[in-house]
Amino acid sequence: MADTYLSHDELVKFIATLPTRRLAAGALIRDEQNRLLAVEPNYRDGWALPGGTVEAGEAPQQGCFREVQEEVGLDLALGRVLLIFHGLSRGVWGDSTYYIYDGGQIPSDAVITLQEDELLSYRWLEPAAFENHFGESFAARLKACYRALETGETVELSSHDS
């Protein structure tokens, strides 16, 4: 029987032809009034959830809560995934997957320590203000997260859905 396995060099060449996907994760952190903690990045327009890029060798949940600690100084319990969003063929970003995790509830007067080299400010937002700060499609994803909190489900969407 002939050996049908690829050599190491052939395997490396083959793997280089496979598609890549960027991973990012954010935390849905709410206060006692059920408002959302939003952060204003200094590297792009608009607002975002605390979170960021998942690093190599890191699970999305771990990356999310590491980024939350780095960006806003909160050491939160690891919550469940509320939403998975697949951004397909997004220009220079290519394909990506974005996870939103339950960051739990914290007091609105909790100490937020911004990572100054990435963030300009933060604020607590009512769901009615999501579209003004995040845009229509991301606001719809955030509202889906709030529903997922109520139902216990996980939502999965793609850019073809929005």
Protein backbone atom coordinates (compact mmCIF):
# COMPACT_ATOMS: atom_id res chain seq x y z
CA MET A 1 0.00 0.00 0.00
CA ALA A 2 1.43 3.37 -1.03
CA ASP A 3 1.93 6.12 1.53
CA THR A 4 -0.75 8.74 0.72
CA TYR A 5 0.10 11.29 3.41
CA LEU A 6 1.52 14.63 2.38
CA SER A 7 5.09 15.40 3.27
CA HIS A 8 5.62 18.20 5.79
CA ASP A 9 6.54 20.66 3.01
CA GLU A 10 3.49 19.66 0.94
CA LEU A 11 1.25 20.06 3.98
CA VAL A 12 2.64 23.54 4.70
CA LYS A 13 2.02 24.56 1.06
CA PHE A 14 -1.53 23.18 1.19
CA ILE A 15 -2.37 24.93 4.46
CA ALA A 16 -1.13 28.23 2.98
CA THR A 17 -3.88 27.96 0.34
CA LEU A 18 -6.69 27.67 2.90
CA PRO A 19 -8.83 30.69 3.73
CA THR A 20 -8.10 32.70 6.85
CA ARG A 21 -10.63 34.27 9.18
CA ARG A 22 -10.04 36.96 11.75
CA LEU A 23 -11.59 36.53 15.19
CA ALA A 24 -12.75 39.28 17.51
CA ALA A 25 -14.96 39.37 20.59
CA GLY A 26 -16.81 41.95 22.65
CA ALA A 27 -18.62 41.96 25.98
CA LEU A 28 -22.19 43.10 26.53
CA ILE A 29 -21.75 44.80 29.91
CA ARG A 30 -24.85 46.33 31.46
CA ASP A 31 -25.57 48.51 34.46
CA GLU A 32 -28.41 48.31 36.99
CA GLN A 33 -30.66 50.19 34.54
CA ASN A 34 -29.86 47.65 31.77
CA ARG A 35 -27.88 50.25 29.83
CA LEU A 36 -24.93 49.10 27.72
CA LEU A 37 -21.31 50.07 28.33
CA ALA A 38 -19.95 51.47 25.04
CA VAL A 39 -16.42 52.65 24.30
CA GLU A 40 -15.18 55.20 21.77
CA PRO A 41 -12.04 53.99 19.96
CA ASN A 42 -9.41 56.49 18.84
CA TYR A 43 -8.58 54.55 15.66
CA ARG A 44 -11.97 54.73 13.89
CA ASP A 45 -15.26 56.61 13.93
CA GLY A 46 -18.16 55.43 16.06
CA TRP A 47 -18.54 53.36 19.18
CA ALA A 48 -17.78 49.75 20.08
CA LEU A 49 -18.18 47.17 22.79
CA PRO A 50 -15.24 46.61 25.12
CA GLY A 51 -13.28 43.78 23.51
CA GLY A 52 -11.05 43.26 20.54
CA THR A 53 -8.98 40.87 18.48
CA VAL A 54 -8.56 37.29 19.64
CA GLU A 55 -4.88 36.44 19.60
CA ALA A 56 -3.29 33.28 18.19
CA GLY A 57 -3.59 30.38 20.63
CA GLU A 58 -6.43 32.07 22.52
CA ALA A 59 -10.09 31.01 22.70
CA PRO A 60 -12.60 33.75 21.77
CA GLN A 61 -14.05 33.89 25.31
CA GLN A 62 -10.59 34.26 26.86
CA GLY A 63 -9.64 36.92 24.32
CA CYS A 64 -12.80 38.86 25.01
CA PHE A 65 -12.35 39.07 28.75
CA ARG A 66 -8.60 39.74 28.43
CA GLU A 67 -9.43 42.67 26.15
CA VAL A 68 -12.13 43.93 28.55
CA GLN A 69 -9.59 43.94 31.38
CA GLU A 70 -7.04 45.75 29.21
CA GLU A 71 -9.46 48.29 27.71
CA VAL A 72 -11.68 49.25 30.66
CA GLY A 73 -9.96 47.71 33.69
CA LEU A 74 -12.80 45.35 34.60
CA ASP A 75 -12.03 41.81 35.75
CA LEU A 76 -15.32 40.09 34.92
CA ALA A 77 -16.48 36.50 35.21
CA LEU A 78 -16.48 34.70 31.87
CA GLY A 79 -20.04 34.83 30.55
CA ARG A 80 -21.74 32.77 27.88
CA VAL A 81 -21.74 33.60 24.18
CA LEU A 82 -24.85 35.55 23.19
CA LEU A 83 -24.17 36.12 19.51
CA ILE A 84 -21.83 34.91 16.78
CA PHE A 85 -21.58 37.12 13.71
CA HIS A 86 -19.85 36.07 10.49
CA GLY A 87 -18.64 39.07 8.48
CA LEU A 88 -18.17 37.76 4.96
CA SER A 89 -15.81 39.36 2.42
CA ARG A 90 -15.49 42.63 4.30
CA GLY A 91 -13.01 44.46 2.08
CA VAL A 92 -9.48 44.66 3.47
CA TRP A 93 -10.61 42.80 6.62
CA GLY A 94 -11.62 39.71 4.65
CA ASP A 95 -13.80 37.17 6.44
CA SER A 96 -14.18 37.54 10.18
CA THR A 97 -16.12 36.09 13.06
CA TYR A 98 -17.20 38.29 15.94
CA TYR A 99 -18.44 36.87 19.24
CA ILE A 100 -20.46 38.84 21.78
CA TYR A 101 -20.34 37.47 25.33
CA ASP A 102 -22.45 38.26 28.36
CA GLY A 103 -20.32 40.61 30.46
CA GLY A 104 -22.91 40.68 33.23
CA GLN A 105 -24.21 43.65 35.18
CA ILE A 106 -22.06 46.12 37.06
CA PRO A 107 -22.96 49.33 38.93
CA SER A 108 -23.00 52.41 36.70
CA ASP A 109 -20.58 54.05 39.12
CA ALA A 110 -18.05 51.19 38.82
CA VAL A 111 -14.53 52.42 38.18
CA ILE A 112 -13.79 52.31 34.44
CA THR A 113 -10.10 52.73 33.63
CA LEU A 114 -9.75 53.42 29.91
CA GLN A 115 -6.81 52.12 27.92
CA GLU A 116 -5.72 55.57 26.76
CA ASP A 117 -3.71 54.42 23.74
CA GLU A 118 -6.89 52.90 22.18
CA LEU A 119 -9.94 54.58 23.73
CA LEU A 120 -11.15 58.17 24.00
CA SER A 121 -14.18 57.76 26.26
CA TYR A 122 -17.02 55.54 27.42
CA ARG A 123 -20.71 55.95 28.12
CA TRP A 124 -23.79 54.03 29.20
CA LEU A 125 -26.34 53.72 26.39
CA GLU A 126 -30.05 52.95 26.43
CA PRO A 127 -31.09 50.45 23.72
CA ALA A 128 -33.00 53.27 21.99
CA ALA A 129 -29.65 55.04 21.37
CA PHE A 130 -27.88 52.05 19.77
CA GLU A 131 -28.51 53.05 16.14
CA ASN A 132 -27.15 56.57 16.69
CA HIS A 133 -23.90 55.24 18.18
CA PHE A 134 -23.34 51.90 16.45
CA GLY A 135 -25.24 52.10 13.16
CA GLU A 136 -28.28 50.13 12.09
CA SER A 137 -26.83 46.64 11.54
CA PHE A 138 -24.68 46.53 14.70
CA ALA A 139 -27.60 47.98 16.71
CA ALA A 140 -29.76 45.10 15.47
CA ARG A 141 -27.11 42.63 16.65
CA LEU A 142 -27.03 44.27 20.08
CA LYS A 143 -30.81 44.08 20.37
CA ALA A 144 -30.56 40.39 19.42
CA CYS A 145 -28.10 40.00 22.32
CA TYR A 146 -30.60 41.50 24.74
CA ARG A 147 -33.23 39.02 23.49
CA ALA A 148 -30.70 36.18 23.89
CA LEU A 149 -30.24 37.21 27.52
CA GLU A 150 -33.98 36.79 28.05
CA THR A 151 -34.39 33.52 26.12
CA GLY A 152 -31.13 31.77 27.01
CA GLU A 153 -30.45 31.17 23.32
CA THR A 154 -27.38 31.99 21.26
CA VAL A 155 -27.93 33.94 18.03
CA GLU A 156 -25.87 33.28 14.91
CA LEU A 157 -25.94 35.76 12.03
CA SER A 158 -23.90 36.62 8.96
CA SER A 159 -23.42 39.78 6.94
CA HIS A 160 -25.88 38.27 4.44
CA ASP A 161 -28.54 38.53 7.18
CA SER A 162 -28.06 42.24 7.80
